[in-house]
Protein backbone atom coordinates (compact mmCIF):
# COMPACT_ATOMS: atom_id res chain seq x y z
CA UNK A 1 16.84 24.80 -9.30
CA UNK A 2 12.94 24.52 -8.72
CA UNK A 3 12.51 21.55 -6.54
CA UNK A 4 8.51 21.67 -7.37
CA UNK A 5 7.34 19.05 -9.65
CA UNK A 6 3.74 18.73 -11.35
CA UNK A 7 2.56 15.14 -10.68
CA UNK A 8 -0.29 13.91 -13.27
CA UNK A 9 -1.09 11.14 -11.14
CA UNK A 10 -1.59 10.75 -7.30
CA UNK A 11 -1.24 7.34 -5.38
CA UNK A 12 -3.65 7.00 -2.45
CA UNK A 13 -3.33 5.14 0.83
CA UNK A 14 -3.87 1.38 0.58
CA UNK A 15 -6.21 -0.42 3.06
CA UNK A 16 -4.33 -2.34 5.22
CA UNK A 17 -3.68 -6.22 4.48
CA UNK A 18 -5.40 -5.67 1.26
CA UNK A 19 -2.76 -7.87 -0.22
CA UNK A 20 -4.53 -10.87 1.22
CA UNK A 21 -7.98 -9.79 2.38
CA UNK A 22 -8.91 -7.23 -1.11
CA UNK A 23 -11.49 -9.66 -1.87
CA UNK A 24 -13.07 -9.63 1.31
CA UNK A 25 -12.90 -5.82 1.56
CA UNK A 26 -14.27 -6.00 -2.26
CA UNK A 27 -17.20 -7.81 -0.91
CA UNK A 28 -18.07 -5.54 2.42
CA UNK A 29 -17.57 -2.12 0.20
CA UNK A 30 -19.76 -3.79 -2.78
CA UNK A 31 -22.39 -4.83 0.10
CA UNK A 32 -22.36 -1.25 1.28
CA UNK A 33 -22.52 0.55 -1.78
CA UNK A 34 -25.82 -2.08 -2.85
CA UNK A 35 -27.35 -0.97 0.52
CA UNK A 36 -27.24 2.77 -0.08
CA UNK A 37 -28.45 2.32 -3.38
CA UNK A 38 -31.26 0.10 -2.57
CA UNK A 39 -32.39 2.07 0.45
CA UNK A 40 -31.94 5.39 -1.06
CA UNK A 41 -33.76 4.45 -4.37
CA UNK A 42 -36.85 2.62 -2.84
CA UNK A 43 -37.21 5.47 -0.62
CA UNK A 44 -37.17 7.71 -3.57
CA UNK A 45 -39.34 5.73 -5.45
CA UNK A 46 -42.10 5.47 -2.75
CA UNK A 47 -42.11 8.94 -2.20
CA UNK A 48 -42.46 10.22 -5.67
CA UNK A 49 -45.23 7.45 -6.20
CA UNK A 50 -47.32 8.21 -3.46
CA UNK A 51 -49.13 11.23 -3.92
CA UNK A 52 -49.65 11.81 -0.11
CA UNK A 53 -45.88 11.77 0.27
CA UNK A 54 -45.83 15.28 -2.06
CA UNK A 55 -45.03 17.77 0.87
CA UNK A 56 -42.28 19.78 1.33
CA UNK A 57 -40.78 17.54 4.24
CA UNK A 58 -40.93 14.50 2.23
CA UNK A 59 -39.32 16.40 -1.09
CA UNK A 60 -36.47 17.55 1.10
CA UNK A 61 -36.18 14.00 2.39
CA UNK A 62 -35.92 12.83 -1.16
CA UNK A 63 -33.34 15.01 -2.30
CA UNK A 64 -31.35 14.05 1.13
CA UNK A 65 -31.34 10.17 -0.46
CA UNK A 66 -30.77 11.39 -3.88
CA UNK A 67 -27.45 13.42 -2.55
CA UNK A 68 -26.62 10.25 -0.71
CA UNK A 69 -26.44 8.51 -3.96
CA UNK A 70 -24.27 11.15 -5.68
CA UNK A 71 -21.76 11.38 -2.76
CA UNK A 72 -21.75 7.52 -2.36
CA UNK A 73 -21.20 7.21 -6.30
CA UNK A 74 -18.08 9.58 -5.93
CA UNK A 75 -16.29 7.15 -3.56
CA UNK A 76 -17.48 3.72 -3.82
CA UNK A 77 -17.07 2.67 -7.60
CA UNK A 78 -13.52 4.05 -7.91
CA UNK A 79 -12.55 2.03 -4.56
CA UNK A 80 -14.03 -0.95 -5.83
CA UNK A 81 -12.41 -0.54 -8.97
CA UNK A 82 -8.57 0.07 -6.84
CA UNK A 83 -9.40 -3.19 -4.82
CA UNK A 84 -9.76 -5.45 -8.08
CA UNK A 85 -7.00 -4.21 -9.84
CA UNK A 86 -4.95 -3.94 -6.12
CA UNK A 87 -3.82 -0.69 -7.61
CA UNK A 88 -4.15 2.47 -5.62
CA UNK A 89 -3.49 5.29 -8.20
CA UNK A 90 -5.59 8.17 -9.67
CA UNK A 91 -5.28 10.78 -12.37
CA UNK A 92 -5.01 14.44 -11.10
CA UNK A 93 -8.39 15.44 -12.92
CA UNK A 94 -10.09 12.25 -11.31
CA UNK A 95 -9.05 13.29 -8.13
CA UNK A 96 -10.30 16.68 -8.47
CA UNK A 97 -13.70 15.14 -9.73
CA UNK A 98 -13.85 12.75 -6.82
CA UNK A 99 -13.11 15.35 -4.31
CA UNK A 100 -15.87 17.83 -5.81
CA UNK A 101 -18.41 15.16 -5.67
CA UNK A 102 -17.70 13.88 -2.48
CA UNK A 103 -17.43 17.31 -0.45
CA UNK A 104 -20.03 18.91 -2.19
CA UNK A 105 -22.25 16.15 -1.23
CA UNK A 106 -21.56 16.52 2.27
CA UNK A 107 -22.12 20.29 1.79
CA UNK A 108 -25.20 19.42 0.02
CA UNK A 109 -26.51 17.57 2.99
CA UNK A 110 -25.74 19.66 5.66
CA UNK A 111 -27.84 22.50 3.60
CA UNK A 112 -30.70 20.22 3.50
CA UNK A 113 -30.46 19.11 6.98
CA UNK A 114 -30.91 22.73 7.46
CA UNK A 115 -33.37 22.90 5.30
CA UNK A 116 -35.52 20.40 6.96
CA UNK A 117 -35.27 22.17 10.11
CA UNK A 118 -36.61 25.02 8.93
CA UNK A 119 -39.26 23.11 7.51
CA UNK A 120 -40.22 21.33 10.71
CA UNK A 121 -40.05 25.03 12.58
CA UNK A 122 -42.90 26.68 10.60
CA UNK A 123 -45.03 23.72 10.42
CA UNK A 124 -45.07 23.14 14.36
CA UNK A 125 -44.49 26.91 15.54
CA UNK A 126 -47.03 28.48 12.34
CA UNK A 127 -49.13 25.78 11.50
CA UNK A 128 -51.80 28.07 9.73
CA UNK A 129 -49.23 29.71 7.51
CA UNK A 130 -47.70 26.51 6.43
CA UNK A 131 -49.15 26.26 3.00
CA UNK A 132 -48.30 29.43 2.31
CA UNK A 133 -44.78 29.71 3.68
CA UNK A 134 -43.89 26.49 1.86
CA UNK A 135 -45.18 27.22 -1.15
CA UNK A 136 -44.10 25.33 -4.47
CA UNK A 137 -42.10 28.41 -5.48
CA UNK A 138 -40.31 28.42 -1.81
CA UNK A 139 -39.50 24.96 -1.93
CA UNK A 140 -37.81 25.06 -5.52
CA UNK A 141 -35.91 27.81 -4.16
CA UNK A 142 -34.58 25.87 -1.09
CA UNK A 143 -33.53 23.13 -3.23
CA UNK A 144 -31.93 25.21 -5.39
CA UNK A 145 -29.73 26.78 -2.59
CA UNK A 146 -29.16 23.18 -1.00
CA UNK A 147 -27.28 22.45 -4.48
CA UNK A 148 -25.82 25.79 -5.71
CA UNK A 149 -23.96 27.00 -2.67
CA UNK A 150 -22.04 23.34 -1.88
CA UNK A 151 -21.17 23.47 -5.85
CA UNK A 152 -20.06 26.71 -6.07
CA UNK A 153 -18.19 26.77 -2.55
CA UNK A 154 -16.48 23.28 -3.74
CA UNK A 155 -15.68 24.48 -7.09
CA UNK A 156 -13.60 27.93 -5.62
CA UNK A 157 -11.91 25.35 -2.98
CA UNK A 158 -10.49 23.30 -6.08
CA UNK A 159 -9.72 26.12 -8.05
CA UNK A 160 -7.61 27.80 -5.51
CA UNK A 161 -5.90 24.60 -4.97
CA UNK A 162 -5.39 24.11 -8.79
CA UNK A 163 -2.87 27.13 -8.72
CA UNK A 164 -0.56 25.77 -6.17
CA UNK A 165 2.64 23.87 -7.28
CA UNK A 166 3.05 20.55 -6.26
CA UNK A 167 6.12 18.37 -4.80
CA UNK A 168 4.55 15.53 -3.48
CA UNK A 169 1.99 13.05 -4.72
CA UNK A 170 0.83 10.75 -2.24
CA UNK A 171 -2.57 11.19 -0.47
CA UNK A 172 -2.95 9.91 3.07
CA UNK A 173 -6.29 8.63 2.63
CA UNK A 174 -8.37 6.12 0.54
CA UNK A 175 -10.17 8.89 -1.54
CA UNK A 176 -9.43 12.30 -2.92
CA UNK A 177 -10.18 15.44 -1.04
CA UNK A 178 -9.00 19.21 -1.28
CA UNK A 179 -7.32 19.58 1.88
CA UNK A 180 -5.45 16.62 1.10
CA UNK A 181 -4.32 17.75 -2.18
CA UNK A 182 -3.33 21.20 -0.70
CA UNK A 183 -1.00 19.89 2.07
CA UNK A 184 0.85 18.33 -1.06
CA UNK A 185 1.78 21.95 -1.86
CA UNK A 186 5.27 23.29 -1.30
CA UNK A 187 4.05 26.90 -2.09
CA UNK A 188 2.13 28.97 0.69
CA UNK A 189 -1.55 27.66 1.32
CA UNK A 190 -2.44 30.81 3.58
CA UNK A 191 -5.32 31.44 1.11
CA UNK A 192 -6.53 27.93 1.22
CA UNK A 193 -6.44 27.90 4.37
CA UNK A 194 -8.50 31.00 5.19
CA UNK A 195 -11.40 30.03 2.67
CA UNK A 196 -11.57 26.41 4.41
CA UNK A 197 -11.47 28.07 8.18
CA UNK A 198 -14.36 30.39 6.44
CA UNK A 199 -16.26 27.11 4.92
CA UNK A 200 -16.30 25.64 8.34
CA UNK A 201 -17.25 28.18 10.45
CA UNK A 202 -20.22 28.92 7.93
CA UNK A 203 -21.50 25.15 8.49
CA UNK A 204 -20.11 25.30 12.16
CA UNK A 205 -23.04 28.33 12.40
CA UNK A 206 -25.45 26.14 10.45
CA UNK A 207 -25.23 23.72 13.12
CA UNK A 208 -25.64 25.85 15.90
CA UNK A 209 -28.83 27.90 14.45
CA UNK A 210 -30.60 24.51 13.75
CA UNK A 211 -29.70 22.71 17.02
CA UNK A 212 -30.86 26.22 18.61
CA UNK A 213 -34.04 25.95 16.82
CA UNK A 214 -34.96 22.50 17.75
CA UNK A 215 -34.50 23.34 21.58
CA UNK A 216 -36.94 25.90 21.16
CA UNK A 217 -39.33 23.61 19.34
CA UNK A 218 -38.90 21.30 22.06
CA UNK A 219 -39.66 23.99 24.44
CA UNK A 220 -42.63 25.10 22.81
CA UNK A 221 -43.88 21.46 22.32
CA UNK A 222 -43.80 20.75 26.04
CA UNK A 223 -47.79 21.90 26.43
CA UNK A 224 -49.38 20.37 23.76
CA UNK A 225 -49.52 16.52 23.80
CA UNK A 226 -50.30 16.28 19.92
CA UNK A 227 -47.21 19.15 19.14
CA UNK A 228 -45.05 16.78 21.30
CA UNK A 229 -46.12 13.66 19.25
CA UNK A 230 -45.41 15.83 15.88
CA UNK A 231 -41.80 16.56 17.15
CA UNK A 232 -40.98 13.20 17.93
CA UNK A 233 -42.03 11.96 14.92
CA UNK A 234 -40.78 14.57 12.51
CA UNK A 235 -37.96 16.20 14.27
CA UNK A 236 -36.35 13.52 16.24
CA UNK A 237 -35.23 11.80 12.99
CA UNK A 238 -33.45 15.11 11.90
CA UNK A 239 -31.56 15.63 15.08
CA UNK A 240 -30.21 12.28 14.95
CA UNK A 241 -29.28 12.71 11.14
CA UNK A 242 -27.62 16.25 12.11
CA UNK A 243 -25.94 15.21 15.38
CA UNK A 244 -24.53 11.78 12.97
CA UNK A 245 -23.70 13.55 10.12
CA UNK A 246 -21.84 16.53 12.44
CA UNK A 247 -19.97 13.76 14.26
CA UNK A 248 -18.87 12.50 11.00
CA UNK A 249 -17.87 15.86 9.83
CA UNK A 250 -15.73 16.84 12.97
CA UNK A 251 -13.98 13.64 12.49
CA UNK A 252 -12.90 14.07 8.66
CA UNK A 253 -12.04 17.74 9.55
CA UNK A 254 -9.77 17.03 12.51
CA UNK A 255 -7.67 14.27 10.82
CA UNK A 256 -7.30 16.25 7.54
CA UNK A 257 -6.23 19.41 9.25
CA UNK A 258 -4.76 18.05 12.47
CA UNK A 259 -4.08 14.10 11.81
CA UNK A 260 -1.02 12.54 12.22
CA UNK A 261 1.25 9.23 11.32
CA UNK A 262 1.22 8.63 15.06
CA UNK A 263 -2.73 7.86 14.76
CA UNK A 264 -3.07 3.90 14.08
CA UNK A 265 -4.11 3.27 10.31
CA UNK A 266 -7.56 1.41 11.16
CA UNK A 267 -8.63 4.46 13.22
CA UNK A 268 -7.39 6.51 10.40
CA UNK A 269 -9.78 4.49 8.20
CA UNK A 270 -12.76 4.82 10.15
CA UNK A 271 -12.50 8.32 10.68
CA UNK A 272 -11.77 8.66 6.70
CA UNK A 273 -14.84 6.60 5.74
CA UNK A 274 -17.62 7.39 8.69
CA UNK A 275 -18.55 10.17 6.69
CA UNK A 276 -18.97 8.05 3.58
CA UNK A 277 -20.72 4.82 4.82
CA UNK A 278 -22.65 5.91 8.01
CA UNK A 279 -24.62 9.10 6.72
CA UNK A 280 -26.35 7.31 3.40
CA UNK A 281 -27.40 4.14 5.07
CA UNK A 282 -28.31 5.67 8.13
CA UNK A 283 -30.57 8.52 6.80
CA UNK A 284 -33.10 6.02 4.89
CA UNK A 285 -33.45 3.80 7.67
CA UNK A 286 -34.08 6.23 10.63
CA UNK A 287 -36.38 8.42 8.48
CA UNK A 288 -37.62 5.17 6.45
CA UNK A 289 -38.70 3.54 10.28
CA UNK A 290 -39.54 6.58 12.48
CA UNK A 291 -41.48 8.77 9.92
CA UNK A 292 -45.25 7.14 10.27
CA UNK A 293 -46.58 7.98 6.82
CA UNK A 294 -43.17 6.99 4.78
CA UNK A 295 -42.98 3.65 6.80
CA UNK A 296 -46.80 2.66 6.23
CA UNK A 297 -45.93 3.20 2.31
CA UNK A 298 -42.63 1.73 2.56
CA UNK A 299 -44.08 -1.34 3.99
CA UNK A 300 -46.90 -1.37 1.75
CA UNK A 301 -44.69 -1.36 -1.43
CA UNK A 302 -42.81 -3.95 0.36
CA UNK A 303 -45.98 -6.63 0.84
CA UNK A 304 -47.19 -5.34 -3.23
CA UNK A 305 -43.87 -6.89 -4.31
């Protein structure tokens, strides 16, 4: 007799102490979500309304903020709903949708950071050709790349997971992700594993290329004070965002694939939430404070209001 069973509903990990502290958790996560919405929407509005900011670098920054809102919306409303009801269950179709939103946003952020690195490389190394190389058509194509590649790759991963028969229903995480669903299967997951490793390798290559390009930029900028100033103002925030996001990605990947029950629950929660909480708050703060043009216009909009 076949032991495999199809479960229409998954159960998610219950936060530690949620029976007694769920209202505290709700208040904290509502604050995080509100802060993400406020910071990212504010920065987007400033970039859209201020014509001097209608440059490729700031357009890509706006895309980064929109993506932060998109990814956060895949997690916070559902988690806040669970805390209010003290019920941590999710239908299979909603689980797939949540996984798609969160992880396509993760990949989109990585692609956007890579595109921003390319933009800075052209601006600093080839300033005379900058506007011809980063014209409107090129910017649109780069934005299409930032969204299309994550959407397609994440959708393929979910379709590969959907073909598997499940024999368990509990996801040991506060939200759904594709690899957690794959681990619930009784069947061979070799194809899913290979596809996942190819995806990890692709984004690791992006990280390596971007970091090498920044190192070359730093070396090239040593000779000129003006060039060093431009590098410090525009490239350092990109590097900080990329490093922060890469560390979060590393934690999430290691936990998903190699995590065990021996890891303390508080650390498991941190590893799971680092990728969702930190980057959407960190990015608008670091760019808003470090980029001079953005900072001046953000303060200007504050004083106007």
